[in-house]
Amino acid sequence: MKIEVVCVSRWPPWPLWAVVLVLLWLGLGGAAILLSRYLDRPVSLCLFKRLTGIACPTCGFTRGALNLLNGRLIQVWLCNPLLYSVLGLFFVVTVVRVLFGRAVRIHFTRVERIFAWIIAAVLFVANWAYVIFCVG
């Protein structure tokens, strides 16, 4: 494995589809919050859970975002540990890029890449099991 710090532009190019997706999610989340207050009961946004009765791998994200807005950081992480760990890492990487114009590049060999994918799959399954049994 080779790790290097490289100089990059401070403002990463954001793909239009990603910006639209985030804005749609924020709009849907805001509408759900208003609807749940109007109906005085929780509104579920998870179509996967509605169809199968099983929590999806990202279940807990909206509750975590609401906990973040209320300043309950431990509760944020407990809503979906892997998702919020990855988002926290993404936030740190983006702040370092914007402030210092630096990025970390990691180069894997073929065997290391396979091993990394296996670890990612195990973490994904373990987190999904946690979400199903503890959150969802």
N, C-alpha and C. Protein backbone atom coordinates (compact mmCIF):
# COMPACT_ATOMS: atom_id res chain seq x y z
N MET A 1 0.86 -1.17 0.00
CA MET A 1 0.00 0.00 0.00
C MET A 1 0.90 1.23 0.00
N LYS A 2 0.54 2.18 -0.84
CA LYS A 2 1.30 3.42 -0.93
C LYS A 2 0.36 4.58 -0.59
N ILE A 3 0.75 5.39 0.40
CA ILE A 3 -0.05 6.53 0.81
C ILE A 3 0.76 7.79 0.52
N GLU A 4 0.13 8.75 -0.15
CA GLU A 4 0.80 10.00 -0.45
C GLU A 4 -0.15 11.17 -0.27
N VAL A 5 0.41 12.32 0.09
CA VAL A 5 -0.35 13.55 0.20
C VAL A 5 -0.02 14.37 -1.04
N VAL A 6 -1.07 14.79 -1.77
CA VAL A 6 -0.87 15.52 -3.01
C VAL A 6 -1.57 16.87 -2.95
N CYS A 7 -1.07 17.81 -3.73
CA CYS A 7 -1.71 19.12 -3.86
C CYS A 7 -2.85 19.01 -4.86
N VAL A 8 -4.00 19.56 -4.50
CA VAL A 8 -5.18 19.54 -5.35
C VAL A 8 -5.84 20.91 -5.29
N SER A 9 -6.80 21.14 -6.20
CA SER A 9 -7.54 22.40 -6.12
C SER A 9 -8.37 22.39 -4.84
N ARG A 10 -8.54 23.55 -4.28
CA ARG A 10 -9.26 23.64 -3.00
C ARG A 10 -10.74 23.30 -3.14
N TRP A 11 -11.35 23.61 -4.27
CA TRP A 11 -12.78 23.37 -4.45
C TRP A 11 -12.97 22.19 -5.38
N PRO A 12 -13.39 21.05 -4.83
CA PRO A 12 -13.60 19.88 -5.69
C PRO A 12 -14.78 20.11 -6.63
N PRO A 13 -14.72 19.54 -7.82
CA PRO A 13 -15.86 19.67 -8.73
C PRO A 13 -17.01 18.77 -8.26
N TRP A 14 -18.12 19.37 -7.93
CA TRP A 14 -19.27 18.60 -7.46
C TRP A 14 -20.13 18.23 -8.65
N PRO A 15 -20.41 16.95 -8.84
CA PRO A 15 -21.29 16.56 -9.96
C PRO A 15 -22.71 17.06 -9.71
N LEU A 16 -23.34 17.50 -10.77
CA LEU A 16 -24.69 18.05 -10.67
C LEU A 16 -25.67 17.05 -10.07
N TRP A 17 -25.55 15.77 -10.45
CA TRP A 17 -26.47 14.76 -9.94
C TRP A 17 -26.37 14.64 -8.42
N ALA A 18 -25.16 14.80 -7.87
CA ALA A 18 -24.98 14.69 -6.42
C ALA A 18 -25.63 15.87 -5.70
N VAL A 19 -25.47 17.05 -6.26
CA VAL A 19 -26.08 18.25 -5.67
C VAL A 19 -27.60 18.12 -5.70
N VAL A 20 -28.15 17.68 -6.83
CA VAL A 20 -29.60 17.50 -6.95
C VAL A 20 -30.10 16.45 -5.97
N LEU A 21 -29.37 15.34 -5.84
CA LEU A 21 -29.76 14.27 -4.92
C LEU A 21 -29.80 14.77 -3.47
N VAL A 22 -28.79 15.52 -3.06
CA VAL A 22 -28.76 16.06 -1.70
C VAL A 22 -29.91 17.03 -1.48
N LEU A 23 -30.16 17.90 -2.44
CA LEU A 23 -31.26 18.86 -2.30
C LEU A 23 -32.61 18.15 -2.24
N LEU A 24 -32.79 17.11 -3.05
CA LEU A 24 -34.04 16.33 -2.99
C LEU A 24 -34.20 15.65 -1.64
N TRP A 25 -33.10 15.08 -1.12
CA TRP A 25 -33.18 14.42 0.19
C TRP A 25 -33.53 15.43 1.28
N LEU A 26 -32.90 16.61 1.24
CA LEU A 26 -33.21 17.64 2.24
C LEU A 26 -34.67 18.07 2.15
N GLY A 27 -35.17 18.23 0.92
CA GLY A 27 -36.57 18.61 0.75
C GLY A 27 -37.52 17.53 1.25
N LEU A 28 -37.22 16.27 0.94
CA LEU A 28 -38.05 15.16 1.40
C LEU A 28 -38.01 15.05 2.92
N GLY A 29 -36.83 15.21 3.50
CA GLY A 29 -36.70 15.16 4.96
C GLY A 29 -37.47 16.29 5.63
N GLY A 30 -37.35 17.49 5.07
CA GLY A 30 -38.10 18.63 5.62
C GLY A 30 -39.60 18.42 5.52
N ALA A 31 -40.06 17.90 4.38
CA ALA A 31 -41.49 17.62 4.22
C ALA A 31 -41.96 16.56 5.21
N ALA A 32 -41.14 15.54 5.44
CA ALA A 32 -41.51 14.49 6.39
C ALA A 32 -41.60 15.05 7.81
N ILE A 33 -40.66 15.92 8.17
CA ILE A 33 -40.70 16.52 9.51
C ILE A 33 -41.97 17.35 9.68
N LEU A 34 -42.29 18.18 8.68
CA LEU A 34 -43.51 19.00 8.76
C LEU A 34 -44.76 18.12 8.80
N LEU A 35 -44.79 17.07 7.99
CA LEU A 35 -45.94 16.18 7.96
C LEU A 35 -46.10 15.43 9.28
N SER A 36 -44.98 14.99 9.86
CA SER A 36 -45.08 14.27 11.13
C SER A 36 -45.56 15.19 12.25
N ARG A 37 -45.16 16.45 12.20
CA ARG A 37 -45.66 17.40 13.21
C ARG A 37 -47.14 17.69 12.99
N TYR A 38 -47.54 17.80 11.73
CA TYR A 38 -48.95 18.07 11.42
C TYR A 38 -49.84 16.90 11.82
N LEU A 39 -49.37 15.66 11.54
CA LEU A 39 -50.16 14.47 11.87
C LEU A 39 -49.96 14.01 13.30
N ASP A 40 -48.96 14.55 13.97
CA ASP A 40 -48.61 14.20 15.35
C ASP A 40 -48.24 12.72 15.48
N ARG A 41 -47.56 12.18 14.48
CA ARG A 41 -47.03 10.82 14.52
C ARG A 41 -45.84 10.75 13.57
N PRO A 42 -44.92 9.81 13.79
CA PRO A 42 -43.74 9.73 12.94
C PRO A 42 -44.09 9.29 11.52
N VAL A 43 -43.35 9.84 10.56
CA VAL A 43 -43.53 9.48 9.16
C VAL A 43 -42.26 8.78 8.70
N SER A 44 -42.40 7.59 8.14
CA SER A 44 -41.25 6.83 7.67
C SER A 44 -40.93 7.18 6.21
N LEU A 45 -39.66 7.47 5.94
CA LEU A 45 -39.23 7.76 4.58
C LEU A 45 -38.68 6.54 3.87
N CYS A 46 -38.48 5.46 4.58
CA CYS A 46 -37.77 4.31 4.04
C CYS A 46 -38.73 3.39 3.28
N LEU A 47 -38.66 3.44 1.95
CA LEU A 47 -39.50 2.59 1.12
C LEU A 47 -39.14 1.11 1.28
N PHE A 48 -37.85 0.82 1.44
CA PHE A 48 -37.40 -0.56 1.62
C PHE A 48 -38.04 -1.18 2.86
N LYS A 49 -38.06 -0.41 3.96
CA LYS A 49 -38.65 -0.92 5.20
C LYS A 49 -40.16 -1.07 5.07
N ARG A 50 -40.79 -0.17 4.35
CA ARG A 50 -42.23 -0.28 4.15
C ARG A 50 -42.59 -1.54 3.35
N LEU A 51 -41.76 -1.86 2.35
CA LEU A 51 -42.06 -3.01 1.49
C LEU A 51 -41.68 -4.34 2.12
N THR A 52 -40.55 -4.38 2.86
CA THR A 52 -40.05 -5.65 3.38
C THR A 52 -40.26 -5.83 4.88
N GLY A 53 -40.41 -4.73 5.60
CA GLY A 53 -40.51 -4.81 7.05
C GLY A 53 -39.15 -4.89 7.72
N ILE A 54 -38.08 -4.86 6.92
CA ILE A 54 -36.70 -4.92 7.44
C ILE A 54 -36.04 -3.58 7.21
N ALA A 55 -35.30 -3.12 8.19
CA ALA A 55 -34.58 -1.85 8.06
C ALA A 55 -33.55 -1.94 6.94
N CYS A 56 -33.43 -0.88 6.15
CA CYS A 56 -32.43 -0.85 5.08
C CYS A 56 -31.06 -0.48 5.68
N PRO A 57 -29.99 -0.63 4.91
CA PRO A 57 -28.65 -0.31 5.45
C PRO A 57 -28.48 1.14 5.88
N THR A 58 -29.28 2.05 5.34
CA THR A 58 -29.15 3.46 5.72
C THR A 58 -30.22 3.92 6.71
N CYS A 59 -31.05 2.99 7.18
CA CYS A 59 -32.07 3.38 8.17
C CYS A 59 -31.39 4.00 9.39
N GLY A 60 -31.99 5.02 9.89
CA GLY A 60 -31.43 5.75 11.02
C GLY A 60 -30.76 7.04 10.60
N PHE A 61 -30.61 7.24 9.28
CA PHE A 61 -29.92 8.45 8.82
C PHE A 61 -30.70 9.71 9.17
N THR A 62 -32.01 9.71 8.91
CA THR A 62 -32.82 10.90 9.20
C THR A 62 -32.87 11.17 10.70
N ARG A 63 -33.04 10.10 11.50
CA ARG A 63 -33.03 10.28 12.96
C ARG A 63 -31.68 10.80 13.43
N GLY A 64 -30.61 10.31 12.82
CA GLY A 64 -29.28 10.80 13.16
C GLY A 64 -29.11 12.26 12.81
N ALA A 65 -29.64 12.66 11.65
CA ALA A 65 -29.55 14.08 11.24
C ALA A 65 -30.33 14.96 12.21
N LEU A 66 -31.49 14.49 12.65
CA LEU A 66 -32.26 15.27 13.63
C LEU A 66 -31.52 15.34 14.97
N ASN A 67 -30.88 14.25 15.37
CA ASN A 67 -30.07 14.27 16.60
C ASN A 67 -28.89 15.22 16.45
N LEU A 68 -28.30 15.27 15.27
CA LEU A 68 -27.19 16.19 15.03
C LEU A 68 -27.65 17.63 15.18
N LEU A 69 -28.82 17.94 14.65
CA LEU A 69 -29.36 19.29 14.79
C LEU A 69 -29.64 19.65 16.25
N ASN A 70 -29.92 18.64 17.07
CA ASN A 70 -30.18 18.87 18.49
C ASN A 70 -28.92 18.75 19.34
N GLY A 71 -27.77 18.46 18.72
CA GLY A 71 -26.50 18.42 19.45
C GLY A 71 -26.24 17.14 20.21
N ARG A 72 -26.96 16.07 19.92
CA ARG A 72 -26.76 14.79 20.60
C ARG A 72 -25.84 13.91 19.76
N LEU A 73 -24.53 14.12 19.88
CA LEU A 73 -23.55 13.47 19.00
C LEU A 73 -23.47 11.95 19.21
N ILE A 74 -23.59 11.49 20.44
CA ILE A 74 -23.54 10.04 20.68
C ILE A 74 -24.75 9.37 20.02
N GLN A 75 -25.92 9.98 20.16
CA GLN A 75 -27.13 9.42 19.54
C GLN A 75 -27.01 9.42 18.02
N VAL A 76 -26.34 10.42 17.45
CA VAL A 76 -26.13 10.46 16.01
C VAL A 76 -25.41 9.20 15.57
N TRP A 77 -24.30 8.91 16.23
CA TRP A 77 -23.48 7.76 15.84
C TRP A 77 -24.22 6.45 16.09
N LEU A 78 -25.01 6.37 17.15
CA LEU A 78 -25.74 5.14 17.45
C LEU A 78 -26.87 4.85 16.45
N CYS A 79 -27.33 5.87 15.74
CA CYS A 79 -28.40 5.65 14.75
C CYS A 79 -27.91 4.81 13.57
N ASN A 80 -26.66 4.98 13.15
CA ASN A 80 -26.09 4.19 12.06
C ASN A 80 -24.57 4.40 12.10
N PRO A 81 -23.85 3.58 12.87
CA PRO A 81 -22.42 3.82 13.10
C PRO A 81 -21.56 3.88 11.85
N LEU A 82 -21.74 2.97 10.92
CA LEU A 82 -20.89 2.96 9.73
C LEU A 82 -21.17 4.17 8.85
N LEU A 83 -22.43 4.45 8.63
CA LEU A 83 -22.82 5.58 7.79
C LEU A 83 -22.27 6.90 8.34
N TYR A 84 -22.44 7.12 9.64
CA TYR A 84 -21.97 8.38 10.21
C TYR A 84 -20.45 8.43 10.37
N SER A 85 -19.80 7.28 10.49
CA SER A 85 -18.33 7.25 10.49
C SER A 85 -17.80 7.64 9.12
N VAL A 86 -18.40 7.10 8.06
CA VAL A 86 -17.98 7.43 6.70
C VAL A 86 -18.27 8.90 6.40
N LEU A 87 -19.43 9.40 6.79
CA LEU A 87 -19.75 10.81 6.58
C LEU A 87 -18.82 11.73 7.36
N GLY A 88 -18.45 11.33 8.59
CA GLY A 88 -17.49 12.11 9.37
C GLY A 88 -16.14 12.16 8.70
N LEU A 89 -15.69 11.03 8.18
CA LEU A 89 -14.42 10.99 7.45
C LEU A 89 -14.49 11.85 6.20
N PHE A 90 -15.60 11.77 5.47
CA PHE A 90 -15.79 12.61 4.29
C PHE A 90 -15.74 14.09 4.66
N PHE A 91 -16.36 14.46 5.76
CA PHE A 91 -16.35 15.86 6.21
C PHE A 91 -14.93 16.32 6.51
N VAL A 92 -14.16 15.50 7.24
CA VAL A 92 -12.77 15.86 7.59
C VAL A 92 -11.92 16.00 6.32
N VAL A 93 -12.05 15.05 5.39
CA VAL A 93 -11.29 15.09 4.15
C VAL A 93 -11.64 16.35 3.35
N THR A 94 -12.93 16.69 3.29
CA THR A 94 -13.36 17.88 2.55
C THR A 94 -12.84 19.15 3.21
N VAL A 95 -12.87 19.23 4.53
CA VAL A 95 -12.36 20.42 5.23
C VAL A 95 -10.86 20.58 5.00
N VAL A 96 -10.11 19.48 5.08
CA VAL A 96 -8.67 19.55 4.83
C VAL A 96 -8.41 20.01 3.39
N ARG A 97 -9.19 19.49 2.44
CA ARG A 97 -9.00 19.90 1.05
C ARG A 97 -9.29 21.37 0.85
N VAL A 98 -10.39 21.86 1.41
CA VAL A 98 -10.78 23.26 1.22
C VAL A 98 -9.81 24.20 1.94
N LEU A 99 -9.39 23.85 3.15
CA LEU A 99 -8.51 24.74 3.91
C LEU A 99 -7.06 24.72 3.44
N PHE A 100 -6.56 23.53 3.10
CA PHE A 100 -5.13 23.39 2.81
C PHE A 100 -4.80 23.00 1.37
N GLY A 101 -5.78 22.63 0.57
CA GLY A 101 -5.53 22.22 -0.80
C GLY A 101 -4.74 20.92 -0.89
N ARG A 102 -4.97 20.02 0.04
CA ARG A 102 -4.25 18.74 0.08
C ARG A 102 -5.26 17.59 0.10
N ALA A 103 -4.84 16.48 -0.47
CA ALA A 103 -5.66 15.27 -0.45
C ALA A 103 -4.75 14.07 -0.24
N VAL A 104 -5.29 13.03 0.37
CA VAL A 104 -4.53 11.80 0.59
C VAL A 104 -4.92 10.82 -0.51
N ARG A 105 -3.92 10.28 -1.18
CA ARG A 105 -4.15 9.26 -2.20
C ARG A 105 -3.60 7.94 -1.67
N ILE A 106 -4.42 6.90 -1.76
CA ILE A 106 -4.01 5.58 -1.31
C ILE A 106 -4.01 4.66 -2.52
N HIS A 107 -2.87 4.04 -2.77
CA HIS A 107 -2.74 3.12 -3.90
C HIS A 107 -2.58 1.70 -3.35
N PHE A 108 -3.50 0.81 -3.75
CA PHE A 108 -3.48 -0.58 -3.30
C PHE A 108 -2.92 -1.48 -4.39
N THR A 109 -2.27 -2.55 -3.94
CA THR A 109 -1.95 -3.62 -4.88
C THR A 109 -3.23 -4.41 -5.13
N ARG A 110 -3.20 -5.33 -6.06
CA ARG A 110 -4.39 -6.13 -6.37
C ARG A 110 -4.88 -6.91 -5.15
N VAL A 111 -3.97 -7.54 -4.43
CA VAL A 111 -4.34 -8.34 -3.25
C VAL A 111 -4.88 -7.43 -2.15
N GLU A 112 -4.26 -6.29 -1.95
CA GLU A 112 -4.73 -5.36 -0.92
C GLU A 112 -6.11 -4.82 -1.25
N ARG A 113 -6.37 -4.58 -2.53
CA ARG A 113 -7.69 -4.11 -2.95
C ARG A 113 -8.76 -5.15 -2.66
N ILE A 114 -8.47 -6.41 -2.94
CA ILE A 114 -9.42 -7.49 -2.64
C ILE A 114 -9.67 -7.57 -1.14
N PHE A 115 -8.61 -7.50 -0.35
CA PHE A 115 -8.73 -7.55 1.10
C PHE A 115 -9.55 -6.36 1.62
N ALA A 116 -9.32 -5.18 1.05
CA ALA A 116 -10.07 -3.98 1.46
C ALA A 116 -11.56 -4.14 1.15
N TRP A 117 -11.89 -4.72 -0.01
CA TRP A 117 -13.29 -4.95 -0.36
C TRP A 117 -13.93 -5.96 0.57
N ILE A 118 -13.18 -6.97 0.97
CA ILE A 118 -13.71 -7.96 1.92
C ILE A 118 -14.00 -7.30 3.26
N ILE A 119 -13.08 -6.48 3.73
CA ILE A 119 -13.29 -5.75 5.00
C ILE A 119 -14.50 -4.83 4.88
N ALA A 120 -14.64 -4.12 3.76
CA ALA A 120 -15.78 -3.23 3.57
C ALA A 120 -17.09 -4.01 3.58
N ALA A 121 -17.11 -5.18 2.94
CA ALA A 121 -18.32 -6.00 2.91
C ALA A 121 -18.68 -6.50 4.31
N VAL A 122 -17.68 -6.93 5.08
CA VAL A 122 -17.94 -7.41 6.45
C VAL A 122 -18.47 -6.26 7.31
N LEU A 123 -17.88 -5.08 7.19
CA LEU A 123 -18.36 -3.91 7.94
C LEU A 123 -19.79 -3.56 7.54
N PHE A 124 -20.07 -3.62 6.24
CA PHE A 124 -21.42 -3.32 5.74
C PHE A 124 -22.45 -4.27 6.33
N VAL A 125 -22.16 -5.57 6.28
CA VAL A 125 -23.10 -6.58 6.80
C VAL A 125 -23.27 -6.44 8.31
N ALA A 126 -22.17 -6.23 9.03
CA ALA A 126 -22.24 -6.07 10.48
C ALA A 126 -23.05 -4.83 10.85
N ASN A 127 -22.85 -3.73 10.12
CA ASN A 127 -23.60 -2.51 10.40
C ASN A 127 -25.08 -2.71 10.08
N TRP A 128 -25.38 -3.40 8.98
CA TRP A 128 -26.78 -3.64 8.62
C TRP A 128 -27.45 -4.50 9.69
N ALA A 129 -26.75 -5.50 10.20
CA ALA A 129 -27.31 -6.32 11.28
C ALA A 129 -27.57 -5.47 12.52
N TYR A 130 -26.64 -4.58 12.84
CA TYR A 130 -26.83 -3.67 13.98
C TYR A 130 -28.07 -2.82 13.77
N VAL A 131 -28.20 -2.25 12.56
CA VAL A 131 -29.35 -1.39 12.27
C VAL A 131 -30.66 -2.17 12.37
N ILE A 132 -30.68 -3.39 11.86
CA ILE A 132 -31.90 -4.21 11.91
C ILE A 132 -32.29 -4.52 13.35
N PHE A 133 -31.33 -4.95 14.16
CA PHE A 133 -31.65 -5.44 15.51
C PHE A 133 -31.67 -4.36 16.58
N CYS A 134 -30.93 -3.27 16.40
CA CYS A 134 -30.82 -2.27 17.46
C CYS A 134 -31.51 -0.94 17.14
N VAL A 135 -31.64 -0.62 15.86
CA VAL A 135 -32.19 0.69 15.50
C VAL A 135 -33.57 0.57 14.89
N GLY A 136 -33.68 -0.33 13.89
CA GLY A 136 -34.82 -0.35 13.00
C GLY A 136 -36.06 -0.98 13.45
